[in-house]
Structures are given as structure tokens and as C-alpha cells.
Amino acid sequence: MSEMPEPNDTLVTEMQKWVRNPKLTKAWNIARIAWFLICVIVGTTSGAYTGYIAYGWFGAVGAGLLGLIIGSIFGAGPELLLMLMSTS
């Protein structure tokens, strides 16, 4: 059986420095916030529009709230949405 090679310590520390770069962390946080906001806005808007077309104002409020909840779930965990898209 072949042994696993030892990781290069300098490469590991360089990768850790790169990943913990404050600019990269800030960009990642901005991307996550933007993703969350887009999911919530799209979910709420589509739910309210569909509810209004089908049931009027009360339907718009109810379906908009449902869209807000579903958009929040998908916004908090993007891998869930990607998993659902990949299985269909």
C-alpha cells in the first residue's frame, strides 16, 4: 500500500493566509448577503403577485408571507436550492 505524501507546510500556511485574507472574507460576506436578499425579494414578490392574481389582496398577503419564508430558507442555505435544481 502506498503512503499518503506529507503536505507541504509552507503551501498549507500560504493557503491559510490566502483564505483568511480580510478582503476575500469581506467579498464573500457581501456575496452571501446579496444572495440572501435576492432570494427573499424574489420569493416575496413572486408569492405576492401569484397570490394577488389568484385570490386578491388577502391571497397576496398570505402567499407573500409564504414566499418570504421559502426565500429565507433558500437564501440561508444556497446548497439546498442547488441540490433541488440538480435533481430535476
Protein backbone atom coordinates (compact mmCIF):
# COMPACT_ATOMS: atom_id res chain seq x y z
CA MET A 1 0.00 0.00 0.00
CA SER A 2 1.33 3.41 -0.88
CA GLU A 3 1.60 6.00 1.83
CA MET A 4 -0.06 9.38 1.54
CA PRO A 5 2.51 12.11 0.93
CA GLU A 6 3.01 14.62 3.70
CA PRO A 7 1.54 18.04 2.95
CA ASN A 8 3.96 20.81 2.26
CA ASP A 9 3.84 23.00 5.37
CA THR A 10 4.68 26.19 3.51
CA LEU A 11 1.91 25.56 0.99
CA VAL A 12 -0.61 24.93 3.76
CA THR A 13 0.31 28.11 5.59
CA GLU A 14 0.18 30.14 2.37
CA MET A 15 -3.30 28.78 1.62
CA GLN A 16 -4.42 29.61 5.14
CA LYS A 17 -3.16 33.17 4.74
CA TRP A 18 -4.94 33.49 1.38
CA VAL A 19 -8.25 32.14 2.66
CA ARG A 20 -8.16 34.34 5.74
CA ASN A 21 -7.43 37.44 3.71
CA PRO A 22 -9.74 40.19 5.03
CA LYS A 23 -10.59 41.39 1.52
CA LEU A 24 -11.65 37.91 0.45
CA THR A 25 -13.68 37.43 3.62
CA LYS A 26 -15.40 40.78 3.08
CA ALA A 27 -16.20 39.93 -0.55
CA TRP A 28 -17.58 36.54 0.49
CA ASN A 29 -19.80 38.16 3.15
CA ILE A 30 -21.12 40.69 0.64
CA ALA A 31 -21.90 37.90 -1.82
CA ARG A 32 -23.77 35.91 0.86
CA ILE A 33 -25.81 38.97 1.89
CA ALA A 34 -26.64 39.76 -1.74
CA TRP A 35 -27.70 36.15 -2.35
CA PHE A 36 -29.93 36.18 0.72
CA LEU A 37 -31.57 39.48 -0.21
CA ILE A 38 -32.19 38.38 -3.80
CA CYS A 39 -33.81 35.12 -2.65
CA VAL A 40 -36.05 36.90 -0.13
CA ILE A 41 -37.10 39.64 -2.55
CA VAL A 42 -37.81 37.22 -5.41
CA GLY A 43 -39.69 34.81 -3.14
CA THR A 44 -41.82 37.52 -1.56
CA THR A 45 -42.56 39.31 -4.83
CA SER A 46 -43.47 36.18 -6.76
CA GLY A 47 -45.63 34.93 -3.91
CA ALA A 48 -47.44 38.25 -3.55
CA TYR A 49 -48.01 38.54 -7.30
CA THR A 50 -49.29 34.99 -7.65
CA GLY A 51 -51.50 35.35 -4.59
CA TYR A 52 -52.94 38.62 -5.85
CA ILE A 53 -53.73 37.19 -9.28
CA ALA A 54 -55.37 34.07 -7.83
CA TYR A 55 -57.06 35.31 -4.62
CA GLY A 56 -56.89 39.10 -4.39
CA TRP A 57 -55.36 41.14 -1.57
CA PHE A 58 -55.67 38.53 1.15
CA GLY A 59 -54.07 35.96 -1.13
CA ALA A 60 -51.26 38.41 -1.86
CA VAL A 61 -50.54 38.81 1.83
CA GLY A 62 -50.67 35.07 2.56
CA ALA A 63 -48.68 33.94 -0.47
CA GLY A 64 -46.20 36.79 0.02
CA LEU A 65 -45.58 35.61 3.57
CA LEU A 66 -45.10 32.06 2.31
CA GLY A 67 -42.69 33.35 -0.34
CA LEU A 68 -40.80 35.26 2.35
CA ILE A 69 -40.37 32.09 4.40
CA ILE A 70 -39.33 29.93 1.44
CA GLY A 71 -36.99 32.66 0.13
CA SER A 72 -35.38 32.92 3.57
CA ILE A 73 -34.77 29.17 3.66
CA PHE A 74 -33.21 29.13 0.20
CA GLY A 75 -31.24 32.30 0.96
CA ALA A 76 -29.78 30.90 4.15
CA GLY A 77 -28.71 27.63 2.50
CA PRO A 78 -27.85 28.05 -1.18
CA GLU A 79 -26.71 24.44 -1.40
CA LEU A 80 -30.33 23.34 -0.80
CA LEU A 81 -31.52 25.24 -3.87
CA LEU A 82 -28.64 23.92 -5.97
CA MET A 83 -29.40 20.37 -4.84
CA LEU A 84 -33.06 20.73 -5.84
CA MET A 85 -32.08 22.17 -9.22
CA SER A 86 -29.61 19.39 -9.94
CA THR A 87 -32.07 16.55 -9.25
CA SER A 88 -34.70 17.69 -11.73
